[in-house]
Every structure is written in C-alpha cells, then in structure tokens.
Amino acid sequence: MDKYREFRDAYRMRVANRDNPDYKDPYPRYEDGDLTYLRDAYRQYVDYSVLVFVAAYALNIVDATVFAHLRQFDISNDLSLRVTPKMIDRRTFGVGLTLTLNPRQSRTTGFSFK
C-alpha cells in the first residue's frame, strides 16, 4: 500500500506542479505514463491481496463449519459389513448386504466381516 500511495502522490504532485519552475521531481527518470502504470500495478497488487485474504477467511469459516458438523461423527475402527439372506416379494430368496457405520445400532443376525 505504501508504494501505491507513493506513486499516486508523485503523479499528483507532478501534474499539479507542471508550471512550477521550483518543483523538484522525486522521480525524474519516470514519465507520466510510467508513474500511472506503476500506480495502477501496485493498486492491483493491493486488490489481489485483499481478495486472497477474503478467500482465506471464507475457507477458514467453511472449515470451522464442517468441523463443527462432523464433531459428533463416529470415526472408530469398529465398522462392520454384514451379509444376510433376504426374502424378496415373499417368493424369491436373495442376498442382502448391510454396511453398518454406527456399531451401537448393529443387528445381531447374519454373518459379520470385520
């Protein structure tokens, strides 16, 4: 932000003191177009910095929200897969596959693969 202000003020002072013979230009090697280019470039850097900061802050909010929602999620190693016989339409036998993610509510029938 300091360089942006520096080049902005230098351009403003040069334009304001164009007719003043006592004005000493701090950037004599730069022309007017160069000063405006540098001013705009540093302004763009400031804008990008603000955009990145806002995006990082938004990602932090999303991360905190997801963590809060998943805080109660059971991540124990006791996940089970059960294969059980199943009756379809009271006529046909089939094989049912049950994946249990919450072992506290598991069924006791069928085979259990752990």
PDB file of N, CA and C in Angstrom:
ATOM      1  N   MET A   1       0.824  -1.186   0.000  1.00  0.00           N
ATOM      2  CA  MET A   1       0.000   0.000   0.000  1.00  0.00           C
ATOM      3  C   MET A   1       0.868   1.250   0.000  1.00  0.00           C
ATOM      4  N   ASP A   2       2.063   1.156   0.600  1.00  0.00           N
ATOM      5  CA  ASP A   2       2.941   2.323   0.659  1.00  0.00           C
ATOM      6  C   ASP A   2       3.439   2.727  -0.726  1.00  0.00           C
ATOM      7  N   LYS A   3       3.830   1.740  -1.541  1.00  0.00           N
ATOM      8  CA  LYS A   3       4.306   2.055  -2.890  1.00  0.00           C
ATOM      9  C   LYS A   3       3.179   2.629  -3.746  1.00  0.00           C
ATOM     10  N   TYR A   4       1.971   2.102  -3.572  1.00  0.00           N
ATOM     11  CA  TYR A   4       0.826   2.649  -4.314  1.00  0.00           C
ATOM     12  C   TYR A   4       0.642   4.124  -3.977  1.00  0.00           C
ATOM     13  N   ARG A   5       0.641   4.444  -2.707  1.00  0.00           N
ATOM     14  CA  ARG A   5       0.468   5.848  -2.300  1.00  0.00           C
ATOM     15  C   ARG A   5       1.626   6.719  -2.779  1.00  0.00           C
ATOM     16  N   GLU A   6       2.820   6.150  -2.732  1.00  0.00           N
ATOM     17  CA  GLU A   6       3.996   6.908  -3.154  1.00  0.00           C
ATOM     18  C   GLU A   6       3.905   7.296  -4.630  1.00  0.00           C
ATOM     19  N   PHE A   7       3.590   6.343  -5.496  1.00  0.00           N
ATOM     20  CA  PHE A   7       3.481   6.643  -6.926  1.00  0.00           C
ATOM     21  C   PHE A   7       2.245   7.473  -7.241  1.00  0.00           C
ATOM     22  N   ARG A   8       1.164   7.270  -6.512  1.00  0.00           N
ATOM     23  CA  ARG A   8      -0.031   8.098  -6.703  1.00  0.00           C
ATOM     24  C   ARG A   8       0.256   9.550  -6.362  1.00  0.00           C
ATOM     25  N   ASP A   9       0.896   9.775  -5.223  1.00  0.00           N
ATOM     26  CA  ASP A   9       1.201  11.138  -4.811  1.00  0.00           C
ATOM     27  C   ASP A   9       2.240  11.789  -5.728  1.00  0.00           C
ATOM     28  N   ALA A  10       3.205  10.990  -6.203  1.00  0.00           N
ATOM     29  CA  ALA A  10       4.204  11.537  -7.124  1.00  0.00           C
ATOM     30  C   ALA A  10       3.551  11.998  -8.422  1.00  0.00           C
ATOM     31  N   TYR A  11       2.624  11.224  -8.939  1.00  0.00           N
ATOM     32  CA  TYR A  11       1.931  11.632 -10.167  1.00  0.00           C
ATOM     33  C   TYR A  11       1.076  12.869  -9.919  1.00  0.00           C
ATOM     34  N   ARG A  12       0.362  12.901  -8.803  1.00  0.00           N
ATOM     35  CA  ARG A  12      -0.470  14.066  -8.493  1.00  0.00           C
ATOM     36  C   ARG A  12       0.379  15.330  -8.337  1.00  0.00           C
ATOM     37  N   MET A  13       1.507  15.211  -7.661  1.00  0.00           N
ATOM     38  CA  MET A  13       2.384  16.369  -7.470  1.00  0.00           C
ATOM     39  C   MET A  13       2.974  16.832  -8.796  1.00  0.00           C
ATOM     40  N   ARG A  14       3.322  15.887  -9.650  1.00  0.00           N
ATOM     41  CA  ARG A  14       3.879  16.275 -10.945  1.00  0.00           C
ATOM     42  C   ARG A  14       2.850  17.010 -11.789  1.00  0.00           C
ATOM     43  N   VAL A  15       1.615  16.523 -11.793  1.00  0.00           N
ATOM     44  CA  VAL A  15       0.569  17.179 -12.574  1.00  0.00           C
ATOM     45  C   VAL A  15       0.227  18.540 -11.972  1.00  0.00           C
ATOM     46  N   ALA A  16       0.175  18.638 -10.659  1.00  0.00           N
ATOM     47  CA  ALA A  16      -0.185  19.892 -10.001  1.00  0.00           C
ATOM     48  C   ALA A  16       0.922  20.941 -10.144  1.00  0.00           C
ATOM     49  N   ASN A  17       2.176  20.528 -10.213  1.00  0.00           N
ATOM     50  CA  ASN A  17       3.300  21.464 -10.279  1.00  0.00           C
ATOM     51  C   ASN A  17       3.952  21.500 -11.659  1.00  0.00           C
ATOM     52  N   ARG A  18       3.196  21.239 -12.672  1.00  0.00           N
ATOM     53  CA  ARG A  18       3.738  21.214 -14.022  1.00  0.00           C
ATOM     54  C   ARG A  18       4.296  22.589 -14.435  1.00  0.00           C
ATOM     55  N   ASP A  19       3.653  23.656 -14.007  1.00  0.00           N
ATOM     56  CA  ASP A  19       4.069  25.007 -14.385  1.00  0.00           C
ATOM     57  C   ASP A  19       4.983  25.647 -13.347  1.00  0.00           C
ATOM     58  N   ASN A  20       5.300  24.954 -12.272  1.00  0.00           N
ATOM     59  CA  ASN A  20       6.127  25.499 -11.206  1.00  0.00           C
ATOM     60  C   ASN A  20       7.603  25.212 -11.515  1.00  0.00           C
ATOM     61  N   PRO A  21       8.425  26.275 -11.747  1.00  0.00           N
ATOM     62  CA  PRO A  21       9.836  26.013 -12.069  1.00  0.00           C
ATOM     63  C   PRO A  21      10.664  25.587 -10.854  1.00  0.00           C
ATOM     64  N   ASP A  22      10.179  25.822  -9.627  1.00  0.00           N
ATOM     65  CA  ASP A  22      10.921  25.458  -8.417  1.00  0.00           C
ATOM     66  C   ASP A  22      10.660  24.029  -7.940  1.00  0.00           C
ATOM     67  N   TYR A  23       9.756  23.341  -8.603  1.00  0.00           N
ATOM     68  CA  TYR A  23       9.399  21.976  -8.175  1.00  0.00           C
ATOM     69  C   TYR A  23      10.511  21.011  -8.556  1.00  0.00           C
ATOM     70  N   LYS A  24      10.953  20.242  -7.572  1.00  0.00           N
ATOM     71  CA  LYS A  24      11.972  19.206  -7.813  1.00  0.00           C
ATOM     72  C   LYS A  24      11.261  17.855  -7.839  1.00  0.00           C
ATOM     73  N   ASP A  25      11.294  17.220  -8.988  1.00  0.00           N
ATOM     74  CA  ASP A  25      10.597  15.941  -9.190  1.00  0.00           C
ATOM     75  C   ASP A  25      11.379  14.817  -8.515  1.00  0.00           C
ATOM     76  N   PRO A  26      10.728  14.012  -7.610  1.00  0.00           N
ATOM     77  CA  PRO A  26      11.437  12.912  -6.951  1.00  0.00           C
ATOM     78  C   PRO A  26      11.726  11.735  -7.892  1.00  0.00           C
ATOM     79  N   TYR A  27      11.019  11.652  -9.008  1.00  0.00           N
ATOM     80  CA  TYR A  27      11.214  10.567  -9.972  1.00  0.00           C
ATOM     81  C   TYR A  27      11.443  11.148 -11.361  1.00  0.00           C
ATOM     82  N   PRO A  28      12.593  11.746 -11.613  1.00  0.00           N
ATOM     83  CA  PRO A  28      12.802  12.376 -12.922  1.00  0.00           C
ATOM     84  C   PRO A  28      12.964  11.367 -14.061  1.00  0.00           C
ATOM     85  N   ARG A  29      13.350  10.143 -13.753  1.00  0.00           N
ATOM     86  CA  ARG A  29      13.549   9.166 -14.829  1.00  0.00           C
ATOM     87  C   ARG A  29      12.243   8.548 -15.324  1.00  0.00           C
ATOM     88  N   TYR A  30      11.151   8.715 -14.557  1.00  0.00           N
ATOM     89  CA  TYR A  30       9.852   8.184 -14.979  1.00  0.00           C
ATOM     90  C   TYR A  30       9.048   9.278 -15.677  1.00  0.00           C
ATOM     91  N   GLU A  31       8.377   8.897 -16.726  1.00  0.00           N
ATOM     92  CA  GLU A  31       7.458   9.821 -17.384  1.00  0.00           C
ATOM     93  C   GLU A  31       6.081   9.663 -16.752  1.00  0.00           C
ATOM     94  N   ASP A  32       5.121  10.476 -17.187  1.00  0.00           N
ATOM     95  CA  ASP A  32       3.771  10.428 -16.616  1.00  0.00           C
ATOM     96  C   ASP A  32       3.125   9.055 -16.804  1.00  0.00           C
ATOM     97  N   GLY A  33       3.282   8.492 -17.976  1.00  0.00           N
ATOM     98  CA  GLY A  33       2.708   7.177 -18.244  1.00  0.00           C
ATOM     99  C   GLY A  33       3.306   6.087 -17.376  1.00  0.00           C
ATOM    100  N   ASP A  34       4.611   6.210 -17.092  1.00  0.00           N
ATOM    101  CA  ASP A  34       5.271   5.229 -16.227  1.00  0.00           C
ATOM    102  C   ASP A  34       4.734   5.307 -14.801  1.00  0.00           C
ATOM    103  N   LEU A  35       4.552   6.540 -14.324  1.00  0.00           N
ATOM    104  CA  LEU A  35       4.024   6.697 -12.958  1.00  0.00           C
ATOM    105  C   LEU A  35       2.600   6.156 -12.853  1.00  0.00           C
ATOM    106  N   THR A  36       1.778   6.394 -13.852  1.00  0.00           N
ATOM    107  CA  THR A  36       0.403   5.863 -13.796  1.00  0.00           C
ATOM    108  C   THR A  36       0.409   4.343 -13.903  1.00  0.00           C
ATOM    109  N   TYR A  37       1.343   3.801 -14.721  1.00  0.00           N
ATOM    110  CA  TYR A  37       1.436   2.351 -14.823  1.00  0.00           C
ATOM    111  C   TYR A  37       1.851   1.736 -13.491  1.00  0.00           C
ATOM    112  N   LEU A  38       2.867   2.311 -12.841  1.00  0.00           N
ATOM    113  CA  LEU A  38       3.316   1.801 -11.541  1.00  0.00           C
ATOM    114  C   LEU A  38       2.233   1.948 -10.478  1.00  0.00           C
ATOM    115  N   ARG A  39       1.535   3.079 -10.506  1.00  0.00           N
ATOM    116  CA  ARG A  39       0.440   3.297  -9.550  1.00  0.00           C
ATOM    117  C   ARG A  39      -0.642   2.238  -9.726  1.00  0.00           C
ATOM    118  N   ASP A  40      -1.031   1.998 -10.979  1.00  0.00           N
ATOM    119  CA  ASP A  40      -2.085   1.005 -11.245  1.00  0.00           C
ATOM    120  C   ASP A  40      -1.629  -0.412 -10.915  1.00  0.00           C
ATOM    121  N   ALA A  41      -0.353  -0.710 -11.166  1.00  0.00           N
ATOM    122  CA  ALA A  41       0.158  -2.052 -10.863  1.00  0.00           C
ATOM    123  C   ALA A  41       0.146  -2.304  -9.360  1.00  0.00           C
ATOM    124  N   TYR A  42       0.598  -1.338  -8.583  1.00  0.00           N
ATOM    125  CA  TYR A  42       0.590  -1.519  -7.129  1.00  0.00           C
ATOM    126  C   TYR A  42      -0.833  -1.543  -6.580  1.00  0.00           C
ATOM    127  N   ARG A  43      -1.723  -0.809  -7.207  1.00  0.00           N
ATOM    128  CA  ARG A  43      -3.130  -0.860  -6.788  1.00  0.00           C
ATOM    129  C   ARG A  43      -3.707  -2.250  -7.059  1.00  0.00           C
ATOM    130  N   GLN A  44      -3.326  -2.838  -8.176  1.00  0.00           N
ATOM    131  CA  GLN A  44      -3.789  -4.185  -8.499  1.00  0.00           C
ATOM    132  C   GLN A  44      -3.242  -5.196  -7.480  1.00  0.00           C
ATOM    133  N   TYR A  45      -1.993  -5.020  -7.060  1.00  0.00           N
ATOM    134  CA  TYR A  45      -1.429  -5.901  -6.039  1.00  0.00           C
ATOM    135  C   TYR A  45      -2.193  -5.788  -4.724  1.00  0.00           C
ATOM    136  N   VAL A  46      -2.583  -4.578  -4.376  1.00  0.00           N
ATOM    137  CA  VAL A  46      -3.366  -4.375  -3.152  1.00  0.00           C
ATOM    138  C   VAL A  46      -4.722  -5.065  -3.285  1.00  0.00           C
ATOM    139  N   ASP A  47      -5.355  -4.916  -4.446  1.00  0.00           N
ATOM    140  CA  ASP A  47      -6.654  -5.559  -4.667  1.00  0.00           C
ATOM    141  C   ASP A  47      -6.552  -7.077  -4.590  1.00  0.00           C
ATOM    142  N   TYR A  48      -5.505  -7.633  -5.198  1.00  0.00           N
ATOM    143  CA  TYR A  48      -5.324  -9.083  -5.133  1.00  0.00           C
ATOM    144  C   TYR A  48      -5.056  -9.544  -3.702  1.00  0.00           C
ATOM    145  N   SER A  49      -4.311  -8.764  -2.950  1.00  0.00           N
ATOM    146  CA  SER A  49      -4.045  -9.125  -1.560  1.00  0.00           C
ATOM    147  C   SER A  49      -5.329  -9.164  -0.743  1.00  0.00           C
ATOM    148  N   VAL A  50      -6.194  -8.192  -0.956  1.00  0.00           N
ATOM    149  CA  VAL A  50      -7.479  -8.176  -0.251  1.00  0.00           C
ATOM    150  C   VAL A  50      -8.325  -9.368  -0.670  1.00  0.00           C
ATOM    151  N   LEU A  51      -8.321  -9.681  -1.967  1.00  0.00           N
ATOM    152  CA  LEU A  51      -9.102 -10.814  -2.464  1.00  0.00           C
ATOM    153  C   LEU A  51      -8.603 -12.131  -1.875  1.00  0.00           C
ATOM    154  N   VAL A  52      -7.298 -12.311  -1.805  1.00  0.00           N
ATOM    155  CA  VAL A  52      -6.740 -13.545  -1.227  1.00  0.00           C
ATOM    156  C   VAL A  52      -7.057 -13.631   0.264  1.00  0.00           C
ATOM    157  N   PHE A  53      -6.978 -12.512   0.966  1.00  0.00           N
ATOM    158  CA  PHE A  53      -7.307 -12.506   2.388  1.00  0.00           C
ATOM    159  C   PHE A  53      -8.766 -12.889   2.618  1.00  0.00           C
ATOM    160  N   VAL A  54      -9.676 -12.333   1.821  1.00  0.00           N
ATOM    161  CA  VAL A  54     -11.099 -12.644   1.966  1.00  0.00           C
ATOM    162  C   VAL A  54     -11.362 -14.117   1.637  1.00  0.00           C
ATOM    163  N   ALA A  55     -10.700 -14.628   0.592  1.00  0.00           N
ATOM    164  CA  ALA A  55     -10.880 -16.041   0.239  1.00  0.00           C
ATOM    165  C   ALA A  55     -10.354 -16.960   1.342  1.00  0.00           C
ATOM    166  N   ALA A  56      -9.209 -16.626   1.926  1.00  0.00           N
ATOM    167  CA  ALA A  56      -8.662 -17.438   3.018  1.00  0.00           C
ATOM    168  C   ALA A  56      -9.575 -17.385   4.237  1.00  0.00           C
ATOM    169  N   TYR A  57     -10.139 -16.220   4.513  1.00  0.00           N
ATOM    170  CA  TYR A  57     -11.053 -16.081   5.642  1.00  0.00           C
ATOM    171  C   TYR A  57     -12.321 -16.905   5.404  1.00  0.00           C
ATOM    172  N   ALA A  58     -12.840 -16.877   4.175  1.00  0.00           N
ATOM    173  CA  ALA A  58     -14.032 -17.663   3.848  1.00  0.00           C
ATOM    174  C   ALA A  58     -13.744 -19.162   3.964  1.00  0.00           C
ATOM    175  N   LEU A  59     -12.579 -19.597   3.504  1.00  0.00           N
ATOM    176  CA  LEU A  59     -12.214 -21.012   3.654  1.00  0.00           C
ATOM    177  C   LEU A  59     -12.072 -21.409   5.115  1.00  0.00           C
ATOM    178  N   ASN A  60     -11.589 -20.505   5.931  1.00  0.00           N
ATOM    179  CA  ASN A  60     -11.495 -20.768   7.365  1.00  0.00           C
ATOM    180  C   ASN A  60     -12.881 -20.939   7.977  1.00  0.00           C
ATOM    181  N   ILE A  61     -13.829 -20.115   7.553  1.00  0.00           N
ATOM    182  CA  ILE A  61     -15.207 -20.237   8.044  1.00  0.00           C
ATOM    183  C   ILE A  61     -15.814 -21.564   7.608  1.00  0.00           C
ATOM    184  N   VAL A  62     -15.595 -21.950   6.342  1.00  0.00           N
ATOM    185  CA  VAL A  62     -16.129 -23.226   5.848  1.00  0.00           C
ATOM    186  C   VAL A  62     -15.495 -24.387   6.599  1.00  0.00           C
ATOM    187  N   ASP A  63     -14.190 -24.318   6.831  1.00  0.00           N
ATOM    188  CA  ASP A  63     -13.509 -25.373   7.573  1.00  0.00           C
ATOM    189  C   ASP A  63     -14.058 -25.501   8.994  1.00  0.00           C
ATOM    190  N   ALA A  64     -14.262 -24.388   9.658  1.00  0.00           N
ATOM    191  CA  ALA A  64     -14.807 -24.426  11.021  1.00  0.00           C
ATOM    192  C   ALA A  64     -16.228 -24.981  11.039  1.00  0.00           C
ATOM    193  N   THR A  65     -17.025 -24.632  10.035  1.00  0.00           N
ATOM    194  CA  THR A  65     -18.397 -25.136   9.961  1.00  0.00           C
ATOM    195  C   THR A  65     -18.422 -26.648   9.737  1.00  0.00           C
ATOM    196  N   VAL A  66     -17.589 -27.129   8.825  1.00  0.00           N
ATOM    197  CA  VAL A  66     -17.529 -28.573   8.564  1.00  0.00           C
ATOM    198  C   VAL A  66     -17.029 -29.312   9.802  1.00  0.00           C
ATOM    199  N   PHE A  67     -16.024 -28.769  10.464  1.00  0.00           N
ATOM    200  CA  PHE A  67     -15.519 -29.407  11.675  1.00  0.00           C
ATOM    201  C   PHE A  67     -16.591 -29.463  12.755  1.00  0.00           C
ATOM    202  N   ALA A  68     -17.371 -28.392  12.884  1.00  0.00           N
ATOM    203  CA  ALA A  68     -18.433 -28.378  13.902  1.00  0.00           C
ATOM    204  C   ALA A  68     -19.521 -29.400  13.582  1.00  0.00           C
ATOM    205  N   HIS A  69     -19.844 -29.559  12.302  1.00  0.00           N
ATOM    206  CA  HIS A  69     -20.874 -30.537  11.936  1.00  0.00           C
ATOM    207  C   HIS A  69     -20.378 -31.976  12.077  1.00  0.00           C
ATOM    208  N   LEU A  70     -19.095 -32.197  11.853  1.00  0.00           N
ATOM    209  CA  LEU A  70     -18.558 -33.550  11.927  1.00  0.00           C
ATOM    210  C   LEU A  70     -17.986 -33.897  13.294  1.00  0.00           C
ATOM    211  N   ARG A  71     -18.153 -33.042  14.251  1.00  0.00           N
ATOM    212  CA  ARG A  71     -17.601 -33.290  15.579  1.00  0.00           C
ATOM    213  C   ARG A  71     -18.223 -34.523  16.235  1.00  0.00           C
ATOM    214  N   GLN A  72     -19.507 -34.777  16.026  1.00  0.00           N
ATOM    215  CA  GLN A  72     -20.207 -35.908  16.619  1.00  0.00           C
ATOM    216  C   GLN A  72     -20.081 -37.183  15.785  1.00  0.00           C
ATOM    217  N   PHE A  73     -19.425 -37.137  14.632  1.00  0.00           N
ATOM    218  CA  PHE A  73     -19.333 -38.284  13.740  1.00  0.00           C
ATOM    219  C   PHE A  73     -18.423 -39.348  14.348  1.00  0.00           C
ATOM    220  N   ASP A  74     -18.876 -40.604  14.293  1.00  0.00           N
ATOM    221  CA  ASP A  74     -18.129 -41.721  14.870  1.00  0.00           C
ATOM    222  C   ASP A  74     -17.035 -42.155  13.897  1.00  0.00           C
ATOM    223  N   ILE A  75     -15.788 -42.051  14.299  1.00  0.00           N
ATOM    224  CA  ILE A  75     -14.672 -42.442  13.438  1.00  0.00           C
ATOM    225  C   ILE A  75     -13.898 -43.619  14.026  1.00  0.00           C
ATOM    226  N   SER A  76     -14.578 -44.459  14.795  1.00  0.00           N
ATOM    227  CA  SER A  76     -13.904 -45.611  15.395  1.00  0.00           C
ATOM    228  C   SER A  76     -13.591 -46.654  14.328  1.00  0.00           C
ATOM    229  N   ASN A  77     -12.722 -47.601  14.675  1.00  0.00           N
ATOM    230  CA  ASN A  77     -12.334 -48.655  13.745  1.00  0.00           C
ATOM    231  C   ASN A  77     -13.348 -49.792  13.707  1.00  0.00           C
ATOM    232  N   ASP A  78     -14.404 -49.727  14.485  1.00  0.00           N
ATOM    233  CA  ASP A  78     -15.382 -50.799  14.576  1.00  0.00           C
ATOM    234  C   ASP A  78     -16.510 -50.586  13.558  1.00  0.00           C
ATOM    235  N   LEU A  79     -16.174 -50.562  12.283  1.00  0.00           N
ATOM    236  CA  LEU A  79     -17.175 -50.516  11.222  1.00  0.00           C
ATOM    237  C   LEU A  79     -17.377 -51.946  10.747  1.00  0.00           C
ATOM    238  N   SER A  80     -18.612 -52.312  10.432  1.00  0.00           N
ATOM    239  CA  SER A  80     -18.860 -53.710  10.088  1.00  0.00           C
ATOM    240  C   SER A  80     -19.647 -53.817   8.788  1.00  0.00           C
ATOM    241  N   LEU A  81     -19.490 -54.974   8.138  1.00  0.00           N
ATOM    242  CA  LEU A  81     -20.201 -55.290   6.906  1.00  0.00           C
ATOM    243  C   LEU A  81     -20.880 -56.634   7.131  1.00  0.00           C
ATOM    244  N   ARG A  82     -22.167 -56.701   6.943  1.00  0.00           N
ATOM    245  CA  ARG A  82     -22.922 -57.927   7.205  1.00  0.00           C
ATOM    246  C   ARG A  82     -23.613 -58.406   5.934  1.00  0.00           C
ATOM    247  N   VAL A  83     -23.525 -59.718   5.684  1.00  0.00           N
ATOM    248  CA  VAL A  83     -24.214 -60.349   4.563  1.00  0.00           C
ATOM    249  C   VAL A  83     -25.313 -61.226   5.168  1.00  0.00           C
ATOM    250  N   THR A  84     -26.563 -60.981   4.781  1.00  0.00           N
ATOM    251  CA  THR A  84     -27.693 -61.718   5.358  1.00  0.00           C
ATOM    252  C   THR A  84     -28.608 -62.211   4.244  1.00  0.00           C
ATOM    253  N   PRO A  85     -29.258 -63.373   4.436  1.00  0.00           N
ATOM    254  CA  PRO A  85     -30.251 -63.818   3.458  1.00  0.00           C
ATOM    255  C   PRO A  85     -31.492 -62.925   3.535  1.00  0.00           C
ATOM    256  N   LYS A  86     -32.108 -62.710   2.398  1.00  0.00           N
ATOM    257  CA  LYS A  86     -33.239 -61.796   2.352  1.00  0.00           C
ATOM    258  C   LYS A  86     -34.336 -62.390   1.473  1.00  0.00           C
ATOM    259  N   MET A  87     -35.578 -62.149   1.834  1.00  0.00           N
ATOM    260  CA  MET A  87     -36.725 -62.619   1.070  1.00  0.00           C
ATOM    261  C   MET A  87     -37.267 -61.442   0.260  1.00  0.00           C
ATOM    262  N   ILE A  88     -37.334 -61.644  -1.054  1.00  0.00           N
ATOM    263  CA  ILE A  88     -37.822 -60.583  -1.938  1.00  0.00           C
ATOM    264  C   ILE A  88     -39.215 -60.980  -2.412  1.00  0.00           C
ATOM    265  N   ASP A  89     -40.200 -60.161  -2.190  1.00  0.00           N
ATOM    266  CA  ASP A  89     -41.598 -60.367  -2.592  1.00  0.00           C
ATOM    267  C   ASP A  89     -42.171 -61.691  -2.121  1.00  0.00           C
ATOM    268  N   ARG A  90     -41.697 -62.227  -1.044  1.00  0.00           N
ATOM    269  CA  ARG A  90     -42.170 -63.466  -0.417  1.00  0.00           C
ATOM    270  C   ARG A  90     -42.058 -64.678  -1.348  1.00  0.00           C
ATOM    271  N   ARG A  91     -41.353 -64.577  -2.457  1.00  0.00           N
ATOM    272  CA  ARG A  91     -41.212 -65.700  -3.370  1.00  0.00           C
ATOM    273  C   ARG A  91     -39.756 -66.056  -3.645  1.00  0.00           C
ATOM    274  N   THR A  92     -38.904 -65.051  -3.724  1.00  0.00           N
ATOM    275  CA  THR A  92     -37.537 -65.261  -4.177  1.00  0.00           C
ATOM    276  C   THR A  92     -36.565 -64.945  -3.042  1.00  0.00           C
ATOM    277  N   PHE A  93     -35.580 -65.821  -2.889  1.00  0.00           N
ATOM    278  CA  PHE A  93     -34.539 -65.554  -1.918  1.00  0.00           C
ATOM    279  C   PHE A  93     -33.431 -64.752  -2.587  1.00  0.00           C
ATOM    280  N   GLY A  94     -32.807 -63.878  -1.825  1.00  0.00           N
ATOM    281  CA  GLY A  94     -31.684 -63.090  -2.321  1.00  0.00           C
ATOM    282  C   GLY A  94     -30.655 -62.927  -1.225  1.00  0.00           C
ATOM    283  N   VAL A  95     -29.648 -62.171  -1.503  1.00  0.00           N
ATOM    284  CA  VAL A  95     -28.598 -61.894  -0.537  1.00  0.00           C
ATOM    285  C   VAL A  95     -28.615 -60.399  -0.251  1.00  0.00           C
ATOM    286  N   GLY A  96     -28.718 -60.061   1.022  1.00  0.00           N
ATOM    287  CA  GLY A  96     -28.693 -58.650   1.414  1.00  0.00           C
ATOM    288  C   GLY A  96     -27.317 -58.274   1.933  1.00  0.00           C
ATOM    289  N   LEU A  97     -26.883 -57.096   1.640  1.00  0.00           N
ATOM    290  CA  LEU A  97     -25.592 -56.594   2.078  1.00  0.00           C
ATOM    291  C   LEU A  97     -25.841 -55.357   2.931  1.00  0.00           C
ATOM    292  N   THR A  98     -25.392 -55.403   4.173  1.00  0.00           N
ATOM    293  CA  THR A  98     -25.628 -54.296   5.100  1.00  0.00           C
ATOM    294  C   THR A  98     -24.295 -53.748   5.563  1.00  0.00           C
ATOM    295  N   LEU A  99     -24.071 -52.467   5.359  1.00  0.00           N
ATOM    296  CA  LEU A  99     -22.883 -51.785   5.854  1.00  0.00           C
ATOM    297  C   LEU A  99     -23.300 -50.985   7.074  1.00  0.00           C
ATOM    298  N   THR A 100     -22.738 -51.307   8.222  1.00  0.00           N
ATOM    299  CA  THR A 100     -23.094 -50.645   9.468  1.00  0.00           C
ATOM    300  C   THR A 100     -22.015 -49.636   9.814  1.00  0.00           C
ATOM    301  N   LEU A 101     -22.383 -48.362   9.831  1.00  0.00           N
ATOM    302  CA  LEU A 101     -21.435 -47.312  10.176  1.00  0.00           C
ATOM    303  C   LEU A 101     -21.500 -46.933  11.641  1.00  0.00           C
ATOM    304  N   ASN A 102     -22.589 -47.276  12.287  1.00  0.00           N
ATOM    305  CA  ASN A 102     -22.719 -46.975  13.704  1.00  0.00           C
ATOM    306  C   ASN A 102     -22.849 -48.296  14.435  1.00  0.00           C
ATOM    307  N   PRO A 103     -21.788 -48.829  15.033  1.00  0.00           N
ATOM    308  CA  PRO A 103     -21.830 -50.172  15.606  1.00  0.00           C
ATOM    309  C   PRO A 103     -22.772 -50.287  16.798  1.00  0.00           C
ATOM    310  N   ARG A 104     -23.174 -49.203  17.398  1.00  0.00           N
ATOM    311  CA  ARG A 104     -24.079 -49.283  18.549  1.00  0.00           C
ATOM    312  C   ARG A 104     -25.490 -49.699  18.111  1.00  0.00           C
ATOM    313  N   GLN A 105     -25.833 -49.494  16.869  1.00  0.00           N
ATOM    314  CA  GLN A 105     -27.165 -49.853  16.377  1.00  0.00           C
ATOM    315  C   GLN A 105     -27.103 -51.060  15.449  1.00  0.00           C
ATOM    316  N   SER A 106     -26.109 -51.910  15.587  1.00  0.00           N
ATOM    317  CA  SER A 106     -25.937 -53.035  14.678  1.00  0.00           C
ATOM    318  C   SER A 106     -26.933 -54.145  14.997  1.00  0.00           C
ATOM    319  N   ARG A 107     -27.221 -54.918  13.979  1.00  0.00           N
ATOM    320  CA  ARG A 107     -28.117 -56.065  14.146  1.00  0.00           C
ATOM    321  C   ARG A 107     -27.287 -57.288  14.515  1.00  0.00           C
ATOM    322  N   THR A 108     -27.913 -58.241  15.161  1.00  0.00           N
ATOM    323  CA  THR A 108     -27.181 -59.439  15.596  1.00  0.00           C
ATOM    324  C   THR A 108     -27.362 -60.586  14.660  1.00  0.00           C
ATOM    325  N   THR A 109     -28.160 -60.484  13.614  1.00  0.00           N
ATOM    326  CA  THR A 109     -28.379 -61.602  12.691  1.00  0.00           C
ATOM    327  C   THR A 109     -27.437 -61.485  11.506  1.00  0.00           C
ATOM    328  N   GLY A 110     -27.136 -62.621  10.882  1.00  0.00           N
ATOM    329  CA  GLY A 110     -26.315 -62.616   9.675  1.00  0.00           C
ATOM    330  C   GLY A 110     -24.840 -62.815  10.000  1.00  0.00           C
ATOM    331  N   PHE A 111     -24.049 -62.861   8.912  1.00  0.00           N
ATOM    332  CA  PHE A 111     -22.621 -63.035   9.051  1.00  0.00           C
ATOM    333  C   PHE A 111     -21.972 -61.665   9.190  1.00  0.00           C
ATOM    334  N   SER A 112     -20.888 -61.595   9.905  1.00  0.00           N
ATOM    335  CA  SER A 112     -20.212 -60.326  10.126  1.00  0.00           C
ATOM    336  C   SER A 112     -18.770 -60.420   9.672  1.00  0.00           C
ATOM    337  N   PHE A 113     -18.372 -59.504   8.796  1.00  0.00           N
ATOM    338  CA  PHE A 113     -16.983 -59.439   8.323  1.00  0.00           C
ATOM    339  C   PHE A 113     -16.359 -58.185   8.916  1.00  0.00           C
ATOM    340  N   LYS A 114     -15.263 -58.352   9.617  1.00  0.00           N
ATOM    341  CA  LYS A 114     -14.595 -57.182  10.221  1.00  0.00           C
ATOM    342  C   LYS A 114     -13.164 -57.139   9.806  1.00  0.00           C
TER     343      LYS A 114
END
